[in-house]
C-alpha atoms as a PDB file:
ATOM      1  CA  MET A   1      -8.688  10.074  54.713  1.00  0.00           C
ATOM      2  CA  ASP A   2     -11.310   9.870  57.465  1.00  0.00           C
ATOM      3  CA  ILE A   3     -14.103   9.792  54.875  1.00  0.00           C
ATOM      4  CA  PHE A   4     -13.053   6.284  53.806  1.00  0.00           C
ATOM      5  CA  ASN A   5     -13.892   4.977  57.283  1.00  0.00           C
ATOM      6  CA  LYS A   6     -17.480   6.151  56.699  1.00  0.00           C
ATOM      7  CA  VAL A   7     -17.922   4.414  53.344  1.00  0.00           C
ATOM      8  CA  GLU A   8     -20.239   1.396  53.326  1.00  0.00           C
ATOM      9  CA  ASP A   9     -19.364  -1.194  50.673  1.00  0.00           C
ATOM     10  CA  LEU A  10     -22.662  -2.732  49.633  1.00  0.00           C
ATOM     11  CA  GLY A  11     -20.918  -5.581  47.847  1.00  0.00           C
ATOM     12  CA  PRO A  12     -20.392  -6.389  44.190  1.00  0.00           C
ATOM     13  CA  VAL A  13     -23.239  -6.781  41.732  1.00  0.00           C
ATOM     14  CA  GLU A  14     -22.357  -8.935  38.761  1.00  0.00           C
ATOM     15  CA  ASN A  15     -24.652  -7.430  36.169  1.00  0.00           C
ATOM     16  CA  VAL A  16     -22.300  -7.192  33.187  1.00  0.00           C
ATOM     17  CA  ARG A  17     -20.181  -9.588  31.200  1.00  0.00           C
ATOM     18  CA  VAL A  18     -16.847  -8.074  30.150  1.00  0.00           C
ATOM     19  CA  VAL A  19     -15.232  -9.137  26.884  1.00  0.00           C
ATOM     20  CA  HIS A  20     -12.035  -7.845  25.308  1.00  0.00           C
ATOM     21  CA  ARG A  21     -12.408  -7.462  21.556  1.00  0.00           C
ATOM     22  CA  ARG A  22      -9.174  -7.251  19.573  1.00  0.00           C
ATOM     23  CA  LEU A  23      -9.374  -5.551  16.195  1.00  0.00           C
ATOM     24  CA  ARG A  24      -6.747  -5.160  13.489  1.00  0.00           C
ATOM     25  CA  ILE A  25      -7.333  -2.346  10.988  1.00  0.00           C
ATOM     26  CA  PRO A  26      -5.217  -1.219   8.026  1.00  0.00           C
ATOM     27  CA  LYS A  27      -3.357   1.831   9.351  1.00  0.00           C
ATOM     28  CA  HIS A  28      -4.002   4.185   6.423  1.00  0.00           C
ATOM     29  CA  GLU A  29      -7.754   3.478   6.366  1.00  0.00           C
ATOM     30  CA  TYR A  30      -8.024   3.775  10.152  1.00  0.00           C
ATOM     31  CA  TYR A  31      -6.399   7.205  10.334  1.00  0.00           C
ATOM     32  CA  ASN A  32      -8.463   8.453   7.386  1.00  0.00           C
ATOM     33  CA  HIS A  33     -11.657   7.187   9.035  1.00  0.00           C
ATOM     34  CA  ILE A  34     -11.077   8.757  12.460  1.00  0.00           C
ATOM     35  CA  LEU A  35     -10.700  12.246  10.955  1.00  0.00           C
ATOM     36  CA  ARG A  36     -14.511  12.455  11.121  1.00  0.00           C
ATOM     37  CA  TYR A  37     -14.529  12.130  14.914  1.00  0.00           C
ATOM     38  CA  ASP A  38     -14.296  15.073  17.264  1.00  0.00           C
ATOM     39  CA  GLY A  39     -12.101  13.288  19.795  1.00  0.00           C
ATOM     40  CA  ASP A  40      -9.360  14.940  21.821  1.00  0.00           C
ATOM     41  CA  ASN A  41      -7.010  11.961  22.055  1.00  0.00           C
ATOM     42  CA  PHE A  42      -6.254   8.499  20.704  1.00  0.00           C
ATOM     43  CA  GLU A  43      -8.378   6.611  23.233  1.00  0.00           C
ATOM     44  CA  GLU A  44     -11.468   8.731  22.604  1.00  0.00           C
ATOM     45  CA  THR A  45     -11.300   8.397  18.814  1.00  0.00           C
ATOM     46  CA  ALA A  46     -10.603   4.667  19.200  1.00  0.00           C
ATOM     47  CA  GLN A  47     -13.774   4.356  21.317  1.00  0.00           C
ATOM     48  CA  PHE A  48     -15.795   6.112  18.613  1.00  0.00           C
ATOM     49  CA  PHE A  49     -14.304   3.764  16.016  1.00  0.00           C
ATOM     50  CA  VAL A  50     -15.202   0.671  18.065  1.00  0.00           C
ATOM     51  CA  GLN A  51     -18.757   1.980  18.599  1.00  0.00           C
ATOM     52  CA  ASP A  52     -19.183   2.445  14.849  1.00  0.00           C
ATOM     53  CA  TYR A  53     -17.698  -1.007  14.215  1.00  0.00           C
ATOM     54  CA  LEU A  54     -20.176  -2.598  16.641  1.00  0.00           C
ATOM     55  CA  ARG A  55     -23.092  -0.759  15.003  1.00  0.00           C
ATOM     56  CA  ALA A  56     -21.961  -2.004  11.584  1.00  0.00           C
ATOM     57  CA  LYS A  57     -21.831  -5.565  12.975  1.00  0.00           C
ATOM     58  CA  LYS A  58     -25.263  -5.202  14.669  1.00  0.00           C
ATOM     59  CA  GLU A  59     -23.776  -5.569  18.163  1.00  0.00           C
ATOM     60  CA  GLU A  60     -25.192  -2.361  19.577  1.00  0.00           C
ATOM     61  CA  GLU A  61     -25.948  -3.846  23.009  1.00  0.00           C
ATOM     62  CA  ALA A  62     -22.265  -3.671  23.980  1.00  0.00           C
ATOM     63  CA  ILE A  63     -21.032  -0.731  26.044  1.00  0.00           C
ATOM     64  CA  VAL A  64     -17.550   0.353  24.995  1.00  0.00           C
ATOM     65  CA  GLY A  65     -15.116   0.867  27.856  1.00  0.00           C
ATOM     66  CA  MET A  66     -11.411   1.555  27.724  1.00  0.00           C
ATOM     67  CA  VAL A  67      -9.708   1.025  24.367  1.00  0.00           C
ATOM     68  CA  ARG A  68      -5.955   0.543  24.058  1.00  0.00           C
ATOM     69  CA  GLY A  69      -4.279   0.822  20.722  1.00  0.00           C
ATOM     70  CA  TRP A  70      -0.918   0.604  19.040  1.00  0.00           C
ATOM     71  CA  GLU A  71       0.633   0.352  15.613  1.00  0.00           C
ATOM     72  CA  GLU A  72       2.225  -2.799  14.243  1.00  0.00           C
ATOM     73  CA  GLY A  73       3.663  -2.395  10.774  1.00  0.00           C
ATOM     74  CA  ASP A  74       0.855  -1.392   8.417  1.00  0.00           C
ATOM     75  CA  TRP A  75      -1.823  -2.081  11.027  1.00  0.00           C
ATOM     76  CA  VAL A  76      -3.499  -0.367  13.971  1.00  0.00           C
ATOM     77  CA  LEU A  77      -4.449  -2.840  16.683  1.00  0.00           C
ATOM     78  CA  LEU A  78      -7.201  -2.037  19.163  1.00  0.00           C
ATOM     79  CA  ASP A  79      -7.998  -3.887  22.382  1.00  0.00           C
ATOM     80  CA  ALA A  80     -11.471  -2.783  23.449  1.00  0.00           C
ATOM     81  CA  ALA A  81     -13.129  -3.666  26.749  1.00  0.00           C
ATOM     82  CA  LEU A  82     -16.809  -4.280  26.016  1.00  0.00           C
ATOM     83  CA  ARG A  83     -19.497  -4.642  28.656  1.00  0.00           C
ATOM     84  CA  TYR A  84     -22.634  -6.602  27.923  1.00  0.00           C
ATOM     85  CA  PRO A  85     -25.456  -5.973  30.446  1.00  0.00           C
ATOM     86  CA  GLN A  86     -26.762  -9.110  32.161  1.00  0.00           C
ATOM     87  CA  CYS A  87     -29.590  -9.716  34.580  1.00  0.00           C
ATOM     88  CA  PRO A  88     -28.063 -10.241  38.038  1.00  0.00           C
ATOM     89  CA  GLU A  89     -28.631 -13.609  39.648  1.00  0.00           C
ATOM     90  CA  PRO A  90     -30.855 -13.435  42.745  1.00  0.00           C
ATOM     91  CA  ARG A  91     -29.034 -13.956  46.020  1.00  0.00           C
END
């Protein structure tokens, strides 16, 4: 643990805006669509899905972060953390 005493925290840089995007997709169509992805787990394939969704909506500037997902009836719900790069304010 001694290494943590040598770490210098240079302070936060607020250069992204984080938005949570919530998507609801028909379950059958979602699972058929993600078969084309080469993901190893639910989160990875959900990230690919959100990236494709953003491309289709012409929102390619967003960086997809963690995506949570669950089923509700005939739907798959995704909660995607999206980061939008911003120019930092001068200090």
